[in-house]
Amino acid sequence: MQIKKIGVVSPGDMGQAIATRLKESGLAVYTALDGRSARTMALAEAAGLADCGSIDELAHTCDMILSVLNPGAAVDKARQVAAAMKATGRKPLFVDCNAIAPQTAREIDAVIRSAGGSFVDAGILGSPPRGDVRTRIFLSGPNAFLLEQVLHPNLVWRVLSERIGDASAIKMCYGALTKGAVALGMELLIAARRLGVEDALETELNESLAGVYRWLDGRFPSTPPKAYRWVPEMNEIAKTFEAAGLTPRILLGAADMFEFVADTPLGRESPEQARAHGRGGHDVIRQLADWAPVPPRPQMR
């Protein structure tokens, strides 16, 4: 199978960056903007994506469709594409690039195969491929090798196996460390500010855990606009770990933290708005801490 036309749903922060790189590699890149927000339409226009309008037309046009969206919507989007395959008779390769549990990937595989299509499990690691960023995309499934024909130095394809779920498993384990650490770091620093020991803790972190603290501080500014998407991702990781015989509670706590962040004024900004403000990590923590409602102090008995 030769890939010439690729559909991307949806061209949000990550999807738009990937779509831009796909265009730079010489491919025709499409999307479906019916019912999408003004922001998504603007991002698609900025990337120069051709709009097919409907998912049916996207399936009819493309050789491959990449699903890059809120993981909580991944299964529903796969069902839409499967319905489009049945309606049009076209069977583009469907690649789920969302942060989902291996068992969710297998559920989507079944949905796509029921429509006569083929599925690739994909897990994106790293930031959107803008500037010098090289984004790693792990792949698994019998047709995973097909994406290796898409050549761009900022898109690093890593084929794991022919087993559906392996790429998602890598994403879940990696995301548990990176995003889980961000959730814990945000919570403890917000707590330190509210407890009145913010300056002392920062001094200690700079002395004894400087590398860790710098890493966290560099990730805080971009976190609030993405927090709403990270809530279902943490739930998917919890599901993954529970299926492996481990506790889901650590990542369920991270989901609670991101749910709080998503509900703040910072969480309601778009990634573009957050970047325009140019806040540092320290600024983000202070604004989140000052916004957070203080729970009533428990009475001592």
C-alpha atoms as a PDB file:
ATOM      1  CA  MET A   1       0.000   0.000   0.000  1.00  0.00           C
ATOM      2  CA  GLN A   2       1.349   3.384  -1.015  1.00  0.00           C
ATOM      3  CA  ILE A   3       0.373   6.335   1.151  1.00  0.00           C
ATOM      4  CA  LYS A   4      -0.168   9.611  -0.705  1.00  0.00           C
ATOM      5  CA  LYS A   5      -3.176  11.209   0.983  1.00  0.00           C
ATOM      6  CA  ILE A   6      -3.475  11.399   4.784  1.00  0.00           C
ATOM      7  CA  GLY A   7      -6.392  12.602   6.870  1.00  0.00           C
ATOM      8  CA  VAL A   8      -5.801  14.083  10.340  1.00  0.00           C
ATOM      9  CA  VAL A   9      -8.574  14.280  12.923  1.00  0.00           C
ATOM     10  CA  SER A  10      -8.275  16.565  14.644  1.00  0.00           C
ATOM     11  CA  PRO A  11      -5.753  19.333  13.886  1.00  0.00           C
ATOM     12  CA  GLY A  12      -5.424  20.570  17.471  1.00  0.00           C
ATOM     13  CA  ASP A  13      -2.109  21.412  19.107  1.00  0.00           C
ATOM     14  CA  MET A  14      -0.463  18.025  18.441  1.00  0.00           C
ATOM     15  CA  GLY A  15      -2.481  17.101  15.355  1.00  0.00           C
ATOM     16  CA  GLN A  16      -1.729  20.366  13.583  1.00  0.00           C
ATOM     17  CA  ALA A  17       1.999  20.062  14.230  1.00  0.00           C
ATOM     18  CA  ILE A  18       2.063  16.498  12.897  1.00  0.00           C
ATOM     19  CA  ALA A  19      -0.062  17.489   9.891  1.00  0.00           C
ATOM     20  CA  THR A  20       2.380  20.295   9.070  1.00  0.00           C
ATOM     21  CA  ARG A  21       5.293  17.848   9.072  1.00  0.00           C
ATOM     22  CA  LEU A  22       3.334  15.414   6.893  1.00  0.00           C
ATOM     23  CA  LYS A  23       2.788  18.176   4.345  1.00  0.00           C
ATOM     24  CA  GLU A  24       6.493  19.011   4.430  1.00  0.00           C
ATOM     25  CA  SER A  25       7.235  15.372   3.587  1.00  0.00           C
ATOM     26  CA  GLY A  26       5.369  15.810   0.304  1.00  0.00           C
ATOM     27  CA  LEU A  27       2.033  14.230   1.214  1.00  0.00           C
ATOM     28  CA  ALA A  28      -1.419  15.673   0.624  1.00  0.00           C
ATOM     29  CA  VAL A  29      -3.015  16.221   4.032  1.00  0.00           C
ATOM     30  CA  TYR A  30      -6.727  16.575   4.694  1.00  0.00           C
ATOM     31  CA  THR A  31      -9.073  17.042   7.613  1.00  0.00           C
ATOM     32  CA  ALA A  32     -12.823  17.146   8.307  1.00  0.00           C
ATOM     33  CA  LEU A  33     -14.046  20.395   9.846  1.00  0.00           C
ATOM     34  CA  ASP A  34     -17.805  19.920   9.929  1.00  0.00           C
ATOM     35  CA  GLY A  35     -18.926  20.839  13.443  1.00  0.00           C
ATOM     36  CA  ARG A  36     -15.427  21.768  14.594  1.00  0.00           C
ATOM     37  CA  SER A  37     -14.597  24.853  16.681  1.00  0.00           C
ATOM     38  CA  ALA A  38     -13.366  28.155  15.292  1.00  0.00           C
ATOM     39  CA  ARG A  39      -9.976  27.448  16.883  1.00  0.00           C
ATOM     40  CA  THR A  40      -9.639  24.091  15.115  1.00  0.00           C
ATOM     41  CA  MET A  41     -10.648  25.662  11.825  1.00  0.00           C
ATOM     42  CA  ALA A  42      -8.035  28.385  12.280  1.00  0.00           C
ATOM     43  CA  LEU A  43      -5.317  25.827  13.092  1.00  0.00           C
ATOM     44  CA  ALA A  44      -6.230  23.794  10.019  1.00  0.00           C
ATOM     45  CA  GLU A  45      -6.128  26.883   7.829  1.00  0.00           C
ATOM     46  CA  ALA A  46      -2.759  27.926   9.259  1.00  0.00           C
ATOM     47  CA  ALA A  47      -1.363  24.484   8.413  1.00  0.00           C
ATOM     48  CA  GLY A  48      -2.804  24.623   4.904  1.00  0.00           C
ATOM     49  CA  LEU A  49      -4.938  21.505   5.326  1.00  0.00           C
ATOM     50  CA  ALA A  50      -7.580  20.674   2.746  1.00  0.00           C
ATOM     51  CA  ASP A  51     -11.042  20.418   4.314  1.00  0.00           C
ATOM     52  CA  CYS A  52     -13.136  17.435   3.264  1.00  0.00           C
ATOM     53  CA  GLY A  53     -15.996  18.636   5.422  1.00  0.00           C
ATOM     54  CA  SER A  54     -17.409  15.323   6.592  1.00  0.00           C
ATOM     55  CA  ILE A  55     -15.797  12.156   7.948  1.00  0.00           C
ATOM     56  CA  ASP A  56     -17.442  10.250   5.074  1.00  0.00           C
ATOM     57  CA  GLU A  57     -15.666  12.411   2.513  1.00  0.00           C
ATOM     58  CA  LEU A  58     -12.396  12.158   4.452  1.00  0.00           C
ATOM     59  CA  ALA A  59     -12.602   8.353   4.384  1.00  0.00           C
ATOM     60  CA  HIS A  60     -13.444   8.447   0.675  1.00  0.00           C
ATOM     61  CA  THR A  61     -10.457  10.703  -0.097  1.00  0.00           C
ATOM     62  CA  CYS A  62      -7.592   9.403   2.032  1.00  0.00           C
ATOM     63  CA  ASP A  63      -5.303   6.372   2.055  1.00  0.00           C
ATOM     64  CA  MET A  64      -4.752   6.714   5.791  1.00  0.00           C
ATOM     65  CA  ILE A  65      -6.451   8.523   8.677  1.00  0.00           C
ATOM     66  CA  LEU A  66      -4.623   9.574  11.834  1.00  0.00           C
ATOM     67  CA  SER A  67      -6.774  10.038  14.934  1.00  0.00           C
ATOM     68  CA  VAL A  68      -5.133  12.610  17.226  1.00  0.00           C
ATOM     69  CA  LEU A  69      -7.577  13.946  19.792  1.00  0.00           C
ATOM     70  CA  ASN A  70      -8.892  13.828  23.332  1.00  0.00           C
ATOM     71  CA  PRO A  71      -8.449  10.176  24.396  1.00  0.00           C
ATOM     72  CA  GLY A  72     -11.914  10.250  25.901  1.00  0.00           C
ATOM     73  CA  ALA A  73     -13.297  10.626  22.363  1.00  0.00           C
ATOM     74  CA  ALA A  74     -11.073   8.021  20.688  1.00  0.00           C
ATOM     75  CA  VAL A  75     -13.600   5.174  20.561  1.00  0.00           C
ATOM     76  CA  ASP A  76     -16.410   7.407  19.290  1.00  0.00           C
ATOM     77  CA  LYS A  77     -14.174   8.788  16.528  1.00  0.00           C
ATOM     78  CA  ALA A  78     -13.211   5.253  15.478  1.00  0.00           C
ATOM     79  CA  ARG A  79     -16.894   4.360  15.260  1.00  0.00           C
ATOM     80  CA  GLN A  80     -17.524   7.403  13.055  1.00  0.00           C
ATOM     81  CA  VAL A  81     -14.696   6.399  10.724  1.00  0.00           C
ATOM     82  CA  ALA A  82     -15.909   2.778  10.647  1.00  0.00           C
ATOM     83  CA  ALA A  83     -19.382   3.990   9.708  1.00  0.00           C
ATOM     84  CA  ALA A  84     -17.824   6.121   6.964  1.00  0.00           C
ATOM     85  CA  MET A  85     -15.961   3.081   5.641  1.00  0.00           C
ATOM     86  CA  LYS A  86     -19.205   1.146   5.421  1.00  0.00           C
ATOM     87  CA  ALA A  87     -21.022   4.079   3.799  1.00  0.00           C
ATOM     88  CA  THR A  88     -18.375   4.832   1.167  1.00  0.00           C
ATOM     89  CA  GLY A  89     -16.860   1.413   0.553  1.00  0.00           C
ATOM     90  CA  ARG A  90     -13.388   2.895   1.021  1.00  0.00           C
ATOM     91  CA  LYS A  91     -11.068   1.359   3.628  1.00  0.00           C
ATOM     92  CA  PRO A  92      -8.280   3.806   4.573  1.00  0.00           C
ATOM     93  CA  LEU A  93      -5.728   2.574   7.085  1.00  0.00           C
ATOM     94  CA  PHE A  94      -6.850   3.860  10.493  1.00  0.00           C
ATOM     95  CA  VAL A  95      -4.080   4.867  12.916  1.00  0.00           C
ATOM     96  CA  ASP A  96      -5.095   5.677  16.485  1.00  0.00           C
ATOM     97  CA  CYS A  97      -2.468   8.022  17.959  1.00  0.00           C
ATOM     98  CA  ASN A  98      -4.308   8.716  21.197  1.00  0.00           C
ATOM     99  CA  ALA A  99      -3.295   8.095  24.810  1.00  0.00           C
ATOM    100  CA  ILE A 100      -5.410   5.002  25.387  1.00  0.00           C
ATOM    101  CA  ALA A 101      -5.080   1.747  27.301  1.00  0.00           C
ATOM    102  CA  PRO A 102      -4.046  -1.382  25.370  1.00  0.00           C
ATOM    103  CA  GLN A 103      -7.513  -2.831  25.905  1.00  0.00           C
ATOM    104  CA  THR A 104      -9.051   0.338  24.428  1.00  0.00           C
ATOM    105  CA  ALA A 105      -6.745  -0.014  21.410  1.00  0.00           C
ATOM    106  CA  ARG A 106      -7.966  -3.576  20.932  1.00  0.00           C
ATOM    107  CA  GLU A 107     -11.573  -2.367  21.190  1.00  0.00           C
ATOM    108  CA  ILE A 108     -10.919   0.183  18.435  1.00  0.00           C
ATOM    109  CA  ASP A 109      -9.163  -2.448  16.326  1.00  0.00           C
ATOM    110  CA  ALA A 110     -12.321  -4.579  16.519  1.00  0.00           C
ATOM    111  CA  VAL A 111     -14.485  -1.600  15.516  1.00  0.00           C
ATOM    112  CA  ILE A 112     -12.352  -0.850  12.448  1.00  0.00           C
ATOM    113  CA  ARG A 113     -12.035  -4.499  11.400  1.00  0.00           C
ATOM    114  CA  SER A 114     -15.816  -4.905  11.657  1.00  0.00           C
ATOM    115  CA  ALA A 115     -16.027  -2.314   8.868  1.00  0.00           C
ATOM    116  CA  GLY A 116     -13.458  -4.188   6.780  1.00  0.00           C
ATOM    117  CA  GLY A 117     -10.646  -1.755   7.573  1.00  0.00           C
ATOM    118  CA  SER A 118      -7.117  -2.125   8.935  1.00  0.00           C
ATOM    119  CA  PHE A 119      -5.817  -0.662  12.176  1.00  0.00           C
ATOM    120  CA  VAL A 120      -2.467   0.531  13.543  1.00  0.00           C
ATOM    121  CA  ASP A 121      -1.917   1.193  17.235  1.00  0.00           C
ATOM    122  CA  ALA A 122       0.255   4.302  17.769  1.00  0.00           C
ATOM    123  CA  GLY A 123       1.620   6.066  20.829  1.00  0.00           C
ATOM    124  CA  ILE A 124       3.038   9.596  20.583  1.00  0.00           C
ATOM    125  CA  LEU A 125       5.886  10.419  22.953  1.00  0.00           C
ATOM    126  CA  GLY A 126       7.217  13.932  23.370  1.00  0.00           C
ATOM    127  CA  SER A 127       6.085  17.429  22.470  1.00  0.00           C
ATOM    128  CA  PRO A 128       4.449  18.481  19.187  1.00  0.00           C
ATOM    129  CA  PRO A 129       7.047  18.411  16.369  1.00  0.00           C
ATOM    130  CA  ARG A 130       7.570  22.142  16.016  1.00  0.00           C
ATOM    131  CA  GLY A 131      10.943  23.779  15.501  1.00  0.00           C
ATOM    132  CA  ASP A 132      13.741  21.315  16.250  1.00  0.00           C
ATOM    133  CA  VAL A 133      11.540  18.906  18.244  1.00  0.00           C
ATOM    134  CA  ARG A 134      11.688  15.285  17.059  1.00  0.00           C
ATOM    135  CA  THR A 135       8.526  13.481  18.118  1.00  0.00           C
ATOM    136  CA  ARG A 136       8.703   9.720  18.635  1.00  0.00           C
ATOM    137  CA  ILE A 137       5.721   7.691  17.484  1.00  0.00           C
ATOM    138  CA  PHE A 138       5.652   4.050  18.550  1.00  0.00           C
ATOM    139  CA  LEU A 139       3.671   1.693  16.314  1.00  0.00           C
ATOM    140  CA  SER A 140       2.304  -1.823  16.609  1.00  0.00           C
ATOM    141  CA  GLY A 141       0.035  -4.075  14.599  1.00  0.00           C
ATOM    142  CA  PRO A 142       0.366  -6.120  11.396  1.00  0.00           C
ATOM    143  CA  ASN A 143       0.338  -2.979   9.218  1.00  0.00           C
ATOM    144  CA  ALA A 144       2.545  -0.764  11.416  1.00  0.00           C
ATOM    145  CA  PHE A 145       5.437  -0.965   8.929  1.00  0.00           C
ATOM    146  CA  LEU A 146       3.420   1.002   6.360  1.00  0.00           C
ATOM    147  CA  LEU A 147       4.043   4.278   8.199  1.00  0.00           C
ATOM    148  CA  GLU A 148       7.802   3.939   7.708  1.00  0.00           C
ATOM    149  CA  GLN A 149       7.318   5.178   4.142  1.00  0.00           C
ATOM    150  CA  VAL A 150       6.375   8.595   5.587  1.00  0.00           C
ATOM    151  CA  LEU A 151       9.757  10.301   5.843  1.00  0.00           C
ATOM    152  CA  HIS A 152      10.404  13.441   7.865  1.00  0.00           C
ATOM    153  CA  PRO A 153      13.325  14.066  10.252  1.00  0.00           C
ATOM    154  CA  ASN A 154      10.998  15.366  12.987  1.00  0.00           C
ATOM    155  CA  LEU A 155       8.711  12.306  12.896  1.00  0.00           C
ATOM    156  CA  VAL A 156      10.518   9.287  14.314  1.00  0.00           C
ATOM    157  CA  TRP A 157       8.545   6.077  13.692  1.00  0.00           C
ATOM    158  CA  ARG A 158       9.412   3.135  15.949  1.00  0.00           C
ATOM    159  CA  VAL A 159       7.749  -0.151  15.023  1.00  0.00           C
ATOM    160  CA  LEU A 160       7.449  -2.381  18.101  1.00  0.00           C
ATOM    161  CA  SER A 161       5.610  -5.501  17.023  1.00  0.00           C
ATOM    162  CA  GLU A 162       2.600  -6.879  15.160  1.00  0.00           C
ATOM    163  CA  ARG A 163       0.588  -7.028  18.392  1.00  0.00           C
ATOM    164  CA  ILE A 164      -2.183  -4.450  18.845  1.00  0.00           C
ATOM    165  CA  GLY A 165      -1.781  -2.780  22.233  1.00  0.00           C
ATOM    166  CA  ASP A 166       2.005  -2.705  22.498  1.00  0.00           C
ATOM    167  CA  ALA A 167       2.340   0.899  21.272  1.00  0.00           C
ATOM    168  CA  SER A 168      -0.413   2.023  23.630  1.00  0.00           C
ATOM    169  CA  ALA A 169       1.270   0.170  26.507  1.00  0.00           C
ATOM    170  CA  ILE A 170       4.484   2.131  25.921  1.00  0.00           C
ATOM    171  CA  LYS A 171       2.495   5.381  25.866  1.00  0.00           C
ATOM    172  CA  MET A 172       0.686   4.490  29.098  1.00  0.00           C
ATOM    173  CA  CYS A 173       3.873   3.637  31.003  1.00  0.00           C
ATOM    174  CA  TYR A 174       5.761   6.677  29.719  1.00  0.00           C
ATOM    175  CA  GLY A 175       2.845   9.042  30.336  1.00  0.00           C
ATOM    176  CA  ALA A 176       2.453   7.704  33.867  1.00  0.00           C
ATOM    177  CA  LEU A 177       5.968   8.922  34.637  1.00  0.00           C
ATOM    178  CA  THR A 178       5.954  12.255  32.804  1.00  0.00           C
ATOM    179  CA  LYS A 179       2.403  13.480  33.401  1.00  0.00           C
ATOM    180  CA  GLY A 180       2.121  11.695  36.743  1.00  0.00           C
ATOM    181  CA  ALA A 181       5.232  13.535  37.929  1.00  0.00           C
ATOM    182  CA  VAL A 182       3.793  16.845  36.701  1.00  0.00           C
ATOM    183  CA  ALA A 183       0.561  16.204  38.633  1.00  0.00           C
ATOM    184  CA  LEU A 184       2.478  15.370  41.815  1.00  0.00           C
ATOM    185  CA  GLY A 185       4.836  18.329  41.376  1.00  0.00           C
ATOM    186  CA  MET A 186       1.962  20.744  40.869  1.00  0.00           C
ATOM    187  CA  GLU A 187       0.104  19.421  43.891  1.00  0.00           C
ATOM    188  CA  LEU A 188       3.027  19.557  46.295  1.00  0.00           C
ATOM    189  CA  LEU A 189       4.089  23.047  45.199  1.00  0.00           C
ATOM    190  CA  ILE A 190       0.537  24.376  45.446  1.00  0.00           C
ATOM    191  CA  ALA A 191       0.317  22.809  48.902  1.00  0.00           C
ATOM    192  CA  ALA A 192       3.638  24.397  49.951  1.00  0.00           C
ATOM    193  CA  ARG A 193       2.380  27.843  48.948  1.00  0.00           C
ATOM    194  CA  ARG A 194      -0.895  27.402  50.786  1.00  0.00           C
ATOM    195  CA  LEU A 195       0.943  26.069  53.845  1.00  0.00           C
ATOM    196  CA  GLY A 196       3.309  29.056  53.884  1.00  0.00           C
ATOM    197  CA  VAL A 197       6.554  27.124  53.202  1.00  0.00           C
ATOM    198  CA  GLU A 198       6.874  27.868  49.468  1.00  0.00           C
ATOM    199  CA  ASP A 199      10.214  29.731  49.626  1.00  0.00           C
ATOM    200  CA  ALA A 200      11.882  27.233  51.954  1.00  0.00           C
ATOM    201  CA  LEU A 201      10.809  24.288  49.809  1.00  0.00           C
ATOM    202  CA  GLU A 202      11.996  25.936  46.579  1.00  0.00           C
ATOM    203  CA  THR A 203      15.385  26.620  48.151  1.00  0.00           C
ATOM    204  CA  GLU A 204      15.672  22.988  49.199  1.00  0.00           C
ATOM    205  CA  LEU A 205      14.587  21.687  45.791  1.00  0.00           C
ATOM    206  CA  ASN A 206      17.132  23.913  44.046  1.00  0.00           C
ATOM    207  CA  GLU A 207      19.853  22.576  46.311  1.00  0.00           C
ATOM    208  CA  SER A 208      19.053  18.864  46.453  1.00  0.00           C
ATOM    209  CA  LEU A 209      16.867  18.131  43.393  1.00  0.00           C
ATOM    210  CA  ALA A 210      17.767  20.907  40.977  1.00  0.00           C
ATOM    211  CA  GLY A 211      17.461  18.789  37.827  1.00  0.00           C
ATOM    212  CA  VAL A 212      14.061  17.431  38.790  1.00  0.00           C
ATOM    213  CA  TYR A 213      12.821  20.873  39.813  1.00  0.00           C
ATOM    214  CA  ARG A 214      13.971  22.476  36.539  1.00  0.00           C
ATOM    215  CA  TRP A 215      12.295  19.690  34.574  1.00  0.00           C
ATOM    216  CA  LEU A 216       8.993  20.220  36.377  1.00  0.00           C
ATOM    217  CA  ASP A 217       9.196  23.994  36.170  1.00  0.00           C
ATOM    218  CA  GLY A 218       9.686  23.771  32.407  1.00  0.00           C
ATOM    219  CA  ARG A 219       6.526  21.709  31.971  1.00  0.00           C
ATOM    220  CA  PHE A 220       4.141  23.656  34.178  1.00  0.00           C
ATOM    221  CA  PRO A 221       3.462  26.529  31.698  1.00  0.00           C
ATOM    222  CA  SER A 222       2.059  24.244  28.981  1.00  0.00           C
ATOM    223  CA  THR A 223       0.078  21.995  31.325  1.00  0.00           C
ATOM    224  CA  PRO A 224      -3.146  23.904  32.186  1.00  0.00           C
ATOM    225  CA  PRO A 225      -4.576  24.131  28.628  1.00  0.00           C
ATOM    226  CA  LYS A 226      -3.985  20.388  28.171  1.00  0.00           C
ATOM    227  CA  ALA A 227      -5.252  19.321  31.586  1.00  0.00           C
ATOM    228  CA  TYR A 228      -8.768  18.507  30.368  1.00  0.00           C
ATOM    229  CA  ARG A 229      -7.278  15.977  27.929  1.00  0.00           C
ATOM    230  CA  TRP A 230      -4.992  14.522  30.560  1.00  0.00           C
ATOM    231  CA  VAL A 231      -7.921  13.594  32.814  1.00  0.00           C
ATOM    232  CA  PRO A 232      -9.109  10.768  30.493  1.00  0.00           C
ATOM    233  CA  GLU A 233      -5.472   9.872  29.791  1.00  0.00           C
ATOM    234  CA  MET A 234      -4.814   9.310  33.504  1.00  0.00           C
ATOM    235  CA  ASN A 235      -7.978   7.218  33.666  1.00  0.00           C
ATOM    236  CA  GLU A 236      -6.732   5.124  30.733  1.00  0.00           C
ATOM    237  CA  ILE A 237      -3.385   4.620  32.483  1.00  0.00           C
ATOM    238  CA  ALA A 238      -5.174   3.600  35.667  1.00  0.00           C
ATOM    239  CA  LYS A 239      -7.160   1.055  33.637  1.00  0.00           C
ATOM    240  CA  THR A 240      -3.937  -0.218  32.082  1.00  0.00           C
ATOM    241  CA  PHE A 241      -2.210  -0.705  35.415  1.00  0.00           C
ATOM    242  CA  GLU A 242      -5.242  -2.327  37.022  1.00  0.00           C
ATOM    243  CA  ALA A 243      -5.365  -4.867  34.184  1.00  0.00           C
ATOM    244  CA  ALA A 244      -1.693  -5.602  34.920  1.00  0.00           C
ATOM    245  CA  GLY A 245      -2.563  -6.407  38.536  1.00  0.00           C
ATOM    246  CA  LEU A 246      -1.394  -3.073  39.975  1.00  0.00           C
ATOM    247  CA  THR A 247      -3.178  -0.302  41.831  1.00  0.00           C
ATOM    248  CA  PRO A 248      -5.036   2.249  39.691  1.00  0.00           C
ATOM    249  CA  ARG A 249      -5.202   4.734  42.563  1.00  0.00           C
ATOM    250  CA  ILE A 250      -1.971   6.637  41.909  1.00  0.00           C
ATOM    251  CA  LEU A 251      -3.070   7.703  38.441  1.00  0.00           C
ATOM    252  CA  LEU A 252      -6.674   8.257  39.497  1.00  0.00           C
ATOM    253  CA  GLY A 253      -5.252  10.832  41.910  1.00  0.00           C
ATOM    254  CA  ALA A 254      -3.380  12.441  39.020  1.00  0.00           C
ATOM    255  CA  ALA A 255      -6.673  12.590  37.114  1.00  0.00           C
ATOM    256  CA  ASP A 256      -8.229  14.442  40.062  1.00  0.00           C
ATOM    257  CA  MET A 257      -5.366  16.936  40.030  1.00  0.00           C
ATOM    258  CA  PHE A 258      -5.692  17.630  36.304  1.00  0.00           C
ATOM    259  CA  GLU A 259      -9.467  17.954  36.665  1.00  0.00           C
ATOM    260  CA  PHE A 260      -8.852  20.714  39.209  1.00  0.00           C
ATOM    261  CA  VAL A 261      -6.340  22.456  36.904  1.00  0.00           C
ATOM    262  CA  ALA A 262      -8.696  22.217  33.915  1.00  0.00           C
ATOM    263  CA  ASP A 263     -11.392  24.045  35.900  1.00  0.00           C
ATOM    264  CA  THR A 264      -9.203  27.087  36.599  1.00  0.00           C
ATOM    265  CA  PRO A 265      -8.928  30.218  34.416  1.00  0.00           C
ATOM    266  CA  LEU A 266      -5.521  28.970  33.213  1.00  0.00           C
ATOM    267  CA  GLY A 267      -7.050  25.623  32.309  1.00  0.00           C
ATOM    268  CA  ARG A 268      -9.683  27.304  30.166  1.00  0.00           C
ATOM    269  CA  GLU A 269      -7.062  28.983  27.950  1.00  0.00           C
ATOM    270  CA  SER A 270      -6.026  27.485  24.620  1.00  0.00           C
ATOM    271  CA  PRO A 271      -2.395  26.385  24.158  1.00  0.00           C
ATOM    272  CA  GLU A 272      -1.899  29.381  21.857  1.00  0.00           C
ATOM    273  CA  GLN A 273      -3.170  31.789  24.508  1.00  0.00           C
ATOM    274  CA  ALA A 274      -0.956  30.216  27.167  1.00  0.00           C
ATOM    275  CA  ARG A 275       2.129  30.521  24.955  1.00  0.00           C
ATOM    276  CA  ALA A 276       1.299  34.167  24.221  1.00  0.00           C
ATOM    277  CA  HIS A 277       1.247  34.980  27.964  1.00  0.00           C
ATOM    278  CA  GLY A 278       4.760  33.580  28.361  1.00  0.00           C
ATOM    279  CA  ARG A 279       4.310  32.582  32.004  1.00  0.00           C
ATOM    280  CA  GLY A 280       7.055  30.737  33.836  1.00  0.00           C
ATOM    281  CA  GLY A 281       6.419  27.622  35.872  1.00  0.00           C
ATOM    282  CA  HIS A 282       6.588  29.592  39.110  1.00  0.00           C
ATOM    283  CA  ASP A 283       3.886  31.979  37.838  1.00  0.00           C
ATOM    284  CA  VAL A 284       1.616  29.066  36.955  1.00  0.00           C
ATOM    285  CA  ILE A 285       1.941  27.468  40.396  1.00  0.00           C
ATOM    286  CA  ARG A 286       1.235  30.749  42.193  1.00  0.00           C
ATOM    287  CA  GLN A 287      -1.865  31.470  40.110  1.00  0.00           C
ATOM    288  CA  LEU A 288      -3.198  27.942  40.593  1.00  0.00           C
ATOM    289  CA  ALA A 289      -2.510  28.066  44.328  1.00  0.00           C
ATOM    290  CA  ASP A 290      -4.123  31.447  44.778  1.00  0.00           C
ATOM    291  CA  TRP A 291      -7.188  30.403  42.787  1.00  0.00           C
ATOM    292  CA  ALA A 292      -7.702  27.108  44.608  1.00  0.00           C
ATOM    293  CA  PRO A 293     -10.536  27.196  47.136  1.00  0.00           C
ATOM    294  CA  VAL A 294      -9.228  26.445  50.594  1.00  0.00           C
ATOM    295  CA  PRO A 295     -11.137  23.551  52.183  1.00  0.00           C
ATOM    296  CA  PRO A 296     -12.440  23.979  55.733  1.00  0.00           C
ATOM    297  CA  ARG A 297      -9.901  23.027  58.349  1.00  0.00           C
ATOM    298  CA  PRO A 298     -10.929  19.745  60.047  1.00  0.00           C
ATOM    299  CA  GLN A 299     -11.813  20.142  63.706  1.00  0.00           C
ATOM    300  CA  MET A 300      -9.498  18.430  66.146  1.00  0.00           C
ATOM    301  CA  ARG A 301     -11.046  16.127  68.740  1.00  0.00           C
END
